[in-house]
C-alpha atoms as a PDB file:
ATOM      1  CA  MET A   1     -13.465  57.930 116.146  1.00  0.00           C
ATOM      2  CA  GLU A   2     -12.671  58.677 119.788  1.00  0.00           C
ATOM      3  CA  LYS A   3     -15.608  56.533 120.922  1.00  0.00           C
ATOM      4  CA  PHE A   4     -14.254  53.658 118.787  1.00  0.00           C
ATOM      5  CA  ARG A   5     -10.763  54.080 120.229  1.00  0.00           C
ATOM      6  CA  SER A   6     -12.026  54.241 123.804  1.00  0.00           C
ATOM      7  CA  THR A   7     -14.200  51.145 123.283  1.00  0.00           C
ATOM      8  CA  TYR A   8     -11.761  49.033 121.284  1.00  0.00           C
ATOM      9  CA  GLY A   9      -8.473  50.488 122.543  1.00  0.00           C
ATOM     10  CA  LYS A  10      -6.835  51.041 119.155  1.00  0.00           C
ATOM     11  CA  GLY A  11      -7.749  52.480 115.783  1.00  0.00           C
ATOM     12  CA  PRO A  12      -9.851  50.773 113.093  1.00  0.00           C
ATOM     13  CA  LEU A  13      -6.782  49.845 111.049  1.00  0.00           C
ATOM     14  CA  HIS A  14      -5.553  47.743 113.986  1.00  0.00           C
ATOM     15  CA  LEU A  15      -8.888  45.902 114.110  1.00  0.00           C
ATOM     16  CA  ILE A  16      -8.744  45.214 110.377  1.00  0.00           C
ATOM     17  CA  ALA A  17      -5.178  43.862 110.741  1.00  0.00           C
ATOM     18  CA  VAL A  18      -6.247  41.583 113.617  1.00  0.00           C
ATOM     19  CA  ILE A  19      -9.222  40.229 111.661  1.00  0.00           C
ATOM     20  CA  ALA A  20      -7.021  39.643 108.604  1.00  0.00           C
ATOM     21  CA  SER A  21      -4.434  37.836 110.735  1.00  0.00           C
ATOM     22  CA  PHE A  22      -7.072  35.540 112.204  1.00  0.00           C
ATOM     23  CA  ALA A  23      -8.488  34.892 108.722  1.00  0.00           C
ATOM     24  CA  ILE A  24      -5.049  33.919 107.362  1.00  0.00           C
ATOM     25  CA  ALA A  25      -4.319  31.728 110.412  1.00  0.00           C
ATOM     26  CA  THR A  26      -7.697  29.983 110.035  1.00  0.00           C
ATOM     27  CA  TYR A  27      -7.079  29.379 106.338  1.00  0.00           C
ATOM     28  CA  ALA A  28      -3.610  27.959 107.101  1.00  0.00           C
ATOM     29  CA  PHE A  29      -5.046  25.692 109.798  1.00  0.00           C
ATOM     30  CA  PHE A  30      -7.648  24.221 107.432  1.00  0.00           C
ATOM     31  CA  GLU A  31      -5.077  23.749 104.665  1.00  0.00           C
ATOM     32  CA  ILE A  32      -2.732  21.928 107.036  1.00  0.00           C
ATOM     33  CA  ALA A  33      -5.553  19.809 108.475  1.00  0.00           C
ATOM     34  CA  ALA A  34      -6.662  18.819 104.965  1.00  0.00           C
ATOM     35  CA  GLY A  35      -3.091  17.992 103.910  1.00  0.00           C
ATOM     36  CA  SER A  36      -1.515  14.589 103.660  1.00  0.00           C
ATOM     37  CA  ALA A  37       0.362  14.620 106.985  1.00  0.00           C
ATOM     38  CA  PRO A  38      -1.145  16.975 109.586  1.00  0.00           C
ATOM     39  CA  VAL A  39       0.349  14.923 112.440  1.00  0.00           C
ATOM     40  CA  ASN A  40       3.846  15.360 110.978  1.00  0.00           C
ATOM     41  CA  PHE A  41       3.247  19.096 110.749  1.00  0.00           C
ATOM     42  CA  ALA A  42       2.048  19.226 114.377  1.00  0.00           C
ATOM     43  CA  ILE A  43       5.170  17.341 115.540  1.00  0.00           C
ATOM     44  CA  TRP A  44       7.405  19.677 113.527  1.00  0.00           C
ATOM     45  CA  PHE A  45       5.585  22.754 114.836  1.00  0.00           C
ATOM     46  CA  ILE A  46       5.858  21.661 118.478  1.00  0.00           C
ATOM     47  CA  ALA A  47       9.544  20.821 117.968  1.00  0.00           C
ATOM     48  CA  ALA A  48      10.099  24.294 116.482  1.00  0.00           C
ATOM     49  CA  ILE A  49       8.455  25.924 119.494  1.00  0.00           C
ATOM     50  CA  VAL A  50      10.582  23.917 121.914  1.00  0.00           C
ATOM     51  CA  ALA A  51      13.743  24.600 119.899  1.00  0.00           C
ATOM     52  CA  HIS A  52      13.000  28.314 119.912  1.00  0.00           C
ATOM     53  CA  ASP A  53      12.251  28.488 123.625  1.00  0.00           C
ATOM     54  CA  MET A  54      15.130  26.253 124.696  1.00  0.00           C
ATOM     55  CA  LEU A  55      17.845  27.291 122.231  1.00  0.00           C
ATOM     56  CA  ALA A  56      17.162  30.347 120.107  1.00  0.00           C
ATOM     57  CA  PHE A  57      15.614  32.676 122.686  1.00  0.00           C
ATOM     58  CA  PRO A  58      18.422  32.268 125.256  1.00  0.00           C
ATOM     59  CA  LEU A  59      21.014  32.570 122.491  1.00  0.00           C
ATOM     60  CA  TYR A  60      19.751  35.810 121.011  1.00  0.00           C
ATOM     61  CA  SER A  61      19.028  37.207 124.469  1.00  0.00           C
ATOM     62  CA  VAL A  62      22.645  36.661 125.488  1.00  0.00           C
ATOM     63  CA  LEU A  63      23.869  38.096 122.189  1.00  0.00           C
ATOM     64  CA  GLY A  64      21.659  41.158 122.742  1.00  0.00           C
ATOM     65  CA  VAL A  65      23.151  41.710 126.205  1.00  0.00           C
ATOM     66  CA  ILE A  66      26.686  41.324 124.836  1.00  0.00           C
ATOM     67  CA  ALA A  67      25.971  43.752 121.985  1.00  0.00           C
ATOM     68  CA  GLY A  68      24.401  46.250 124.409  1.00  0.00           C
ATOM     69  CA  LYS A  69      27.447  46.137 126.679  1.00  0.00           C
ATOM     70  CA  THR A  70      29.779  46.475 123.694  1.00  0.00           C
ATOM     71  CA  ILE A  71      28.087  49.666 122.551  1.00  0.00           C
ATOM     72  CA  GLY A  72      28.189  51.070 126.071  1.00  0.00           C
ATOM     73  CA  PRO A  73      25.954  53.710 127.621  1.00  0.00           C
ATOM     74  CA  ARG A  74      23.609  55.229 125.103  1.00  0.00           C
ATOM     75  CA  PRO A  75      22.766  58.891 124.874  1.00  0.00           C
ATOM     76  CA  ALA A  76      19.148  59.845 125.341  1.00  0.00           C
ATOM     77  CA  ALA A  77      17.255  59.240 122.130  1.00  0.00           C
ATOM     78  CA  PRO A  78      13.626  58.715 121.177  1.00  0.00           C
ATOM     79  CA  ALA A  79      12.276  55.230 121.822  1.00  0.00           C
ATOM     80  CA  GLY A  80      13.533  52.763 119.229  1.00  0.00           C
ATOM     81  CA  LEU A  81      16.222  54.990 117.740  1.00  0.00           C
ATOM     82  CA  THR A  82      19.257  53.221 119.057  1.00  0.00           C
ATOM     83  CA  ALA A  83      21.847  51.779 116.710  1.00  0.00           C
ATOM     84  CA  ILE A  84      21.522  48.329 118.229  1.00  0.00           C
ATOM     85  CA  ASN A  85      17.954  48.023 116.973  1.00  0.00           C
ATOM     86  CA  PHE A  86      19.111  48.700 113.421  1.00  0.00           C
ATOM     87  CA  VAL A  87      21.626  45.863 113.728  1.00  0.00           C
ATOM     88  CA  ARG A  88      19.324  43.359 115.435  1.00  0.00           C
ATOM     89  CA  VAL A  89      16.663  43.240 112.723  1.00  0.00           C
ATOM     90  CA  PRO A  90      18.871  42.453 109.713  1.00  0.00           C
ATOM     91  CA  ALA A  91      20.950  40.041 111.800  1.00  0.00           C
ATOM     92  CA  LEU A  92      17.797  38.231 112.922  1.00  0.00           C
ATOM     93  CA  LEU A  93      16.343  38.059 109.394  1.00  0.00           C
ATOM     94  CA  SER A  94      19.627  36.877 107.940  1.00  0.00           C
ATOM     95  CA  GLY A  95      19.990  34.302 110.713  1.00  0.00           C
ATOM     96  CA  PHE A  96      16.473  32.960 110.148  1.00  0.00           C
ATOM     97  CA  ALA A  97      17.115  32.689 106.408  1.00  0.00           C
ATOM     98  CA  PHE A  98      20.305  30.776 107.157  1.00  0.00           C
ATOM     99  CA  ILE A  99      18.565  28.430 109.611  1.00  0.00           C
ATOM    100  CA  VAL A 100      15.818  27.646 107.122  1.00  0.00           C
ATOM    101  CA  TRP A 101      18.085  27.092 104.103  1.00  0.00           C
ATOM    102  CA  PHE A 102      21.447  26.126 105.596  1.00  0.00           C
ATOM    103  CA  PRO A 103      21.549  22.673 103.950  1.00  0.00           C
ATOM    104  CA  ILE A 104      21.251  24.313 100.526  1.00  0.00           C
ATOM    105  CA  ILE A 105      23.457  27.310 101.385  1.00  0.00           C
ATOM    106  CA  LEU A 106      26.284  25.072 102.625  1.00  0.00           C
ATOM    107  CA  GLY A 107      25.762  22.466  99.886  1.00  0.00           C
ATOM    108  CA  PHE A 108      24.777  19.634 102.260  1.00  0.00           C
ATOM    109  CA  SER A 109      21.731  18.707 100.202  1.00  0.00           C
ATOM    110  CA  GLU A 110      23.223  19.093  96.739  1.00  0.00           C
ATOM    111  CA  PRO A 111      22.240  15.612  95.473  1.00  0.00           C
ATOM    112  CA  GLU A 112      18.591  16.153  96.451  1.00  0.00           C
ATOM    113  CA  VAL A 113      18.517  19.650  94.929  1.00  0.00           C
ATOM    114  CA  ILE A 114      20.079  18.431  91.679  1.00  0.00           C
ATOM    115  CA  ARG A 115      17.698  15.483  91.524  1.00  0.00           C
ATOM    116  CA  SER A 116      14.591  17.582  92.136  1.00  0.00           C
ATOM    117  CA  THR A 117      15.471  20.792  90.261  1.00  0.00           C
ATOM    118  CA  GLY A 118      18.381  19.992  88.000  1.00  0.00           C
ATOM    119  CA  LEU A 119      20.328  22.912  89.494  1.00  0.00           C
ATOM    120  CA  ASP A 120      23.397  22.858  91.733  1.00  0.00           C
ATOM    121  CA  THR A 121      23.628  24.608  95.105  1.00  0.00           C
ATOM    122  CA  GLY A 122      26.677  26.703  94.162  1.00  0.00           C
ATOM    123  CA  PRO A 123      24.976  30.110  93.923  1.00  0.00           C
ATOM    124  CA  PHE A 124      23.039  29.872  97.185  1.00  0.00           C
ATOM    125  CA  LEU A 125      25.901  30.937  99.499  1.00  0.00           C
ATOM    126  CA  GLY A 126      26.510  34.043  97.402  1.00  0.00           C
ATOM    127  CA  ARG A 127      22.794  34.811  97.315  1.00  0.00           C
ATOM    128  CA  TRP A 128      22.494  34.481 101.069  1.00  0.00           C
ATOM    129  CA  LEU A 129      25.511  36.765 101.536  1.00  0.00           C
ATOM    130  CA  LEU A 130      23.933  39.244  99.086  1.00  0.00           C
ATOM    131  CA  LEU A 131      20.644  39.106 101.026  1.00  0.00           C
ATOM    132  CA  THR A 132      22.529  39.713 104.273  1.00  0.00           C
ATOM    133  CA  GLY A 133      24.405  42.666 102.778  1.00  0.00           C
ATOM    134  CA  VAL A 134      21.221  44.208 101.371  1.00  0.00           C
ATOM    135  CA  LEU A 135      19.453  43.845 104.717  1.00  0.00           C
ATOM    136  CA  PHE A 136      22.279  45.558 106.594  1.00  0.00           C
ATOM    137  CA  LEU A 137      22.590  48.260 103.921  1.00  0.00           C
ATOM    138  CA  ALA A 138      18.854  48.999 104.024  1.00  0.00           C
ATOM    139  CA  SER A 139      18.912  49.076 107.816  1.00  0.00           C
ATOM    140  CA  GLY A 140      21.903  51.442 107.821  1.00  0.00           C
ATOM    141  CA  LEU A 141      20.197  53.767 105.333  1.00  0.00           C
ATOM    142  CA  LEU A 142      17.015  53.731 107.408  1.00  0.00           C
ATOM    143  CA  TYR A 143      19.035  54.564 110.525  1.00  0.00           C
ATOM    144  CA  ALA A 144      20.753  57.463 108.737  1.00  0.00           C
ATOM    145  CA  LEU A 145      17.403  58.791 107.553  1.00  0.00           C
ATOM    146  CA  GLN A 146      15.969  58.568 111.069  1.00  0.00           C
ATOM    147  CA  LEU A 147      18.991  60.430 112.493  1.00  0.00           C
ATOM    148  CA  ARG A 148      18.619  63.107 109.835  1.00  0.00           C
ATOM    149  CA  LYS A 149      14.925  63.470 110.591  1.00  0.00           C
ATOM    150  CA  LEU A 150      15.687  63.719 114.319  1.00  0.00           C
ATOM    151  CA  ARG A 151      18.342  66.409 113.763  1.00  0.00           C
ATOM    152  CA  ARG A 152      15.982  68.456 111.606  1.00  0.00           C
ATOM    153  CA  ALA A 153      13.245  68.206 114.253  1.00  0.00           C
ATOM    154  CA  ARG A 154      15.635  69.514 116.938  1.00  0.00           C
ATOM    155  CA  THR A 155      16.655  72.585 114.926  1.00  0.00           C
END
């Protein structure tokens, strides 16, 4: 095992995960290329990259700095066990869900949704709020468990 780690740099599980990721990406590429509008997908994908790099990344970087300054100086803790990290993840996931489905959540696309599914968009705002609450609750519980584990390890 040590020879494998020294040659590859990580464990075998990492190599399996990398191979599986490449396999999934290759499958997705061939499915998109065989689809009806691969050029439209490429345009959308490039626009998403530009939008992320020009808008989203600076926005959440600034918000991270603001949140870090709001919390103030942090006591020494193991890497990754700061409260801000347990707020960032659910906020990011909730924000991405909102960005993807905001026309349905806010009811902007109600005629299209009714026409294609026969359902109205009324429940989607409540469901998104429920998802957001569950994400923050799970993150808070995970943070509490990590603090408890850390306190037990110190005693």
